[in-house]
Amino acid sequence: MPLAEYIGASLYPIKVAAILLGALGAWCLALAALGLYGVMAYTVSQRTHEVGIRMALGARPAEVLRLVVGQAMVLVAGGLVAGAAAAAGLTRLVSSALVGIGAGDPGVFLGAALILVTVAALASFAPAQRAAAVDPVVALRHE
């Protein structure tokens, strides 16, 4: 058996585990985005009256959009702080399994944070657009 094939066969279980963990991570990211979308959609539906008052008093749709997405980003920032603290503590436990990066590599932490913020912004954008499109007259009549 050639050496390259022998090494490839010995790394096969690790490659399979990495693929499965990557798929699990993508699934968890999708669930988190769906959860944030649900929370923001519910919040927007509960605040329809408030948004109507804001728009009746002169708030532009861009301001309402910024308000809703900003509220989502506050939630995301809290989750990022808690997640970064937990990850910093747990990376010491798995540092022996990490290949090619250090346990506290800032690039990995920043990359993960950037991906999470992007996904959260996209998940909160649809409810924010719905809030920005509220007709003030209809919203003020809404109970």
Protein backbone atom coordinates (compact mmCIF):
# COMPACT_ATOMS: atom_id res chain seq x y z
CA MET A 1 0.00 0.00 0.00
CA PRO A 2 1.46 3.44 -0.90
CA LEU A 3 2.24 5.77 1.98
CA ALA A 4 -0.21 8.46 0.79
CA GLU A 5 -3.03 5.92 0.70
CA TYR A 6 -2.05 4.59 4.13
CA ILE A 7 -2.09 8.10 5.61
CA GLY A 8 -5.40 8.88 3.88
CA ALA A 9 -6.95 5.72 5.34
CA SER A 10 -5.72 6.58 8.83
CA LEU A 11 -7.22 10.10 8.58
CA TYR A 12 -10.58 8.94 7.22
CA PRO A 13 -12.37 8.76 10.61
CA ILE A 14 -11.14 12.26 11.47
CA LYS A 15 -12.35 13.61 8.12
CA VAL A 16 -15.77 12.02 8.61
CA ALA A 17 -16.01 13.46 12.12
CA ALA A 18 -15.04 16.91 10.81
CA ILE A 19 -17.69 16.75 8.07
CA LEU A 20 -20.36 15.65 10.52
CA LEU A 21 -19.44 18.35 13.02
CA GLY A 22 -19.47 20.95 10.24
CA ALA A 23 -22.94 19.81 9.16
CA LEU A 24 -24.11 19.92 12.78
CA GLY A 25 -22.70 23.44 13.14
CA ALA A 26 -24.49 24.59 9.99
CA TRP A 27 -27.74 23.05 11.25
CA CYS A 28 -27.34 24.81 14.62
CA LEU A 29 -26.64 28.12 12.86
CA ALA A 30 -29.80 27.71 10.80
CA LEU A 31 -31.83 26.94 13.95
CA ALA A 32 -30.40 29.99 15.71
CA ALA A 33 -31.30 32.17 12.72
CA LEU A 34 -34.81 30.74 12.64
CA GLY A 35 -35.18 31.34 16.38
CA LEU A 36 -34.03 34.92 16.12
CA TYR A 37 -36.36 35.47 13.17
CA GLY A 38 -39.26 34.11 15.25
CA VAL A 39 -38.45 36.29 18.25
CA MET A 40 -38.10 39.40 16.12
CA ALA A 41 -41.29 38.66 14.14
CA TYR A 42 -43.21 38.20 17.40
CA THR A 43 -41.72 41.39 18.88
CA VAL A 44 -42.63 43.38 15.77
CA SER A 45 -46.19 42.04 15.83
CA GLN A 46 -46.53 43.01 19.51
CA ARG A 47 -45.14 46.50 18.87
CA THR A 48 -47.29 47.32 15.83
CA HIS A 49 -49.13 50.05 17.75
CA GLU A 50 -45.84 51.64 18.89
CA VAL A 51 -44.40 51.53 15.38
CA GLY A 52 -47.58 53.15 14.06
CA ILE A 53 -47.27 55.97 16.58
CA ARG A 54 -43.62 56.48 15.68
CA MET A 55 -44.46 56.61 11.97
CA ALA A 56 -47.40 58.94 12.58
CA LEU A 57 -45.10 61.29 14.48
CA GLY A 58 -42.69 61.41 11.55
CA ALA A 59 -40.34 58.45 11.84
CA ARG A 60 -39.09 57.39 8.44
CA PRO A 61 -39.14 53.70 7.42
CA ALA A 62 -35.32 53.65 7.53
CA GLU A 63 -35.42 54.71 11.19
CA VAL A 64 -37.90 51.96 12.04
CA LEU A 65 -35.75 49.46 10.15
CA ARG A 66 -32.68 50.59 12.09
CA LEU A 67 -34.62 50.36 15.38
CA VAL A 68 -35.72 46.77 14.84
CA VAL A 69 -32.38 45.52 13.48
CA GLY A 70 -30.59 47.38 16.29
CA GLN A 71 -32.75 45.62 18.85
CA ALA A 72 -31.79 42.28 17.32
CA MET A 73 -28.11 43.22 17.35
CA VAL A 74 -28.34 43.98 21.08
CA LEU A 75 -29.59 40.43 21.62
CA VAL A 76 -26.83 39.07 19.41
CA ALA A 77 -24.16 41.10 21.24
CA GLY A 78 -25.20 39.58 24.55
CA GLY A 79 -25.06 36.10 23.06
CA LEU A 80 -21.66 36.77 21.51
CA VAL A 81 -20.20 37.94 24.82
CA ALA A 82 -21.52 34.90 26.67
CA GLY A 83 -20.50 32.55 23.86
CA ALA A 84 -17.00 33.99 23.57
CA ALA A 85 -16.47 33.62 27.30
CA ALA A 86 -17.65 30.01 27.23
CA ALA A 87 -15.59 29.25 24.13
CA ALA A 88 -12.46 30.79 25.65
CA GLY A 89 -12.84 28.51 28.65
CA LEU A 90 -13.63 25.39 26.65
CA THR A 91 -10.88 25.75 24.07
CA ARG A 92 -8.33 24.87 26.73
CA LEU A 93 -10.04 21.50 27.11
CA VAL A 94 -9.93 20.68 23.41
CA SER A 95 -6.61 22.33 22.55
CA SER A 96 -4.99 18.92 21.98
CA ALA A 97 -7.49 18.16 19.20
CA LEU A 98 -6.92 21.45 17.38
CA VAL A 99 -4.67 21.16 14.35
CA GLY A 100 -3.05 24.19 12.76
CA ILE A 101 -4.53 26.80 15.12
CA GLY A 102 -3.98 27.78 18.72
CA ALA A 103 -6.55 27.47 21.47
CA GLY A 104 -7.08 31.24 21.64
CA ASP A 105 -6.66 32.14 17.97
CA PRO A 106 -8.36 35.55 17.57
CA GLY A 107 -8.99 34.95 13.86
CA VAL A 108 -11.29 32.04 14.63
CA PHE A 109 -13.20 33.99 17.27
CA LEU A 110 -13.57 37.03 15.01
CA GLY A 111 -14.58 34.90 12.02
CA ALA A 112 -17.25 33.10 14.04
CA ALA A 113 -18.54 36.39 15.43
CA LEU A 114 -18.69 37.90 11.94
CA ILE A 115 -20.65 34.92 10.60
CA LEU A 116 -23.09 35.04 13.52
CA VAL A 117 -23.65 38.80 13.21
CA THR A 118 -24.24 38.47 9.45
CA VAL A 119 -26.75 35.65 9.88
CA ALA A 120 -28.52 37.53 12.69
CA ALA A 121 -28.75 40.70 10.60
CA LEU A 122 -30.25 38.74 7.71
CA ALA A 123 -32.69 36.96 10.05
CA SER A 124 -33.90 40.22 11.58
CA PHE A 125 -34.15 42.10 8.29
CA ALA A 126 -37.49 40.58 7.17
CA PRO A 127 -39.36 41.50 10.39
CA ALA A 128 -37.73 44.93 10.27
CA GLN A 129 -38.96 45.47 6.71
CA ARG A 130 -42.44 44.40 7.76
CA ALA A 131 -42.34 46.93 10.62
CA ALA A 132 -41.10 49.69 8.31
CA ALA A 133 -43.97 49.02 5.90
CA VAL A 134 -46.66 49.47 8.57
CA ASP A 135 -49.36 51.96 7.65
CA PRO A 136 -49.69 54.34 10.63
CA VAL A 137 -53.50 54.57 10.32
CA VAL A 138 -53.90 50.79 10.34
CA ALA A 139 -51.41 50.42 13.19
CA LEU A 140 -53.15 53.01 15.33
CA ARG A 141 -56.45 51.18 14.90
CA HIS A 142 -54.77 47.86 15.79
CA GLU A 143 -55.46 46.66 19.30
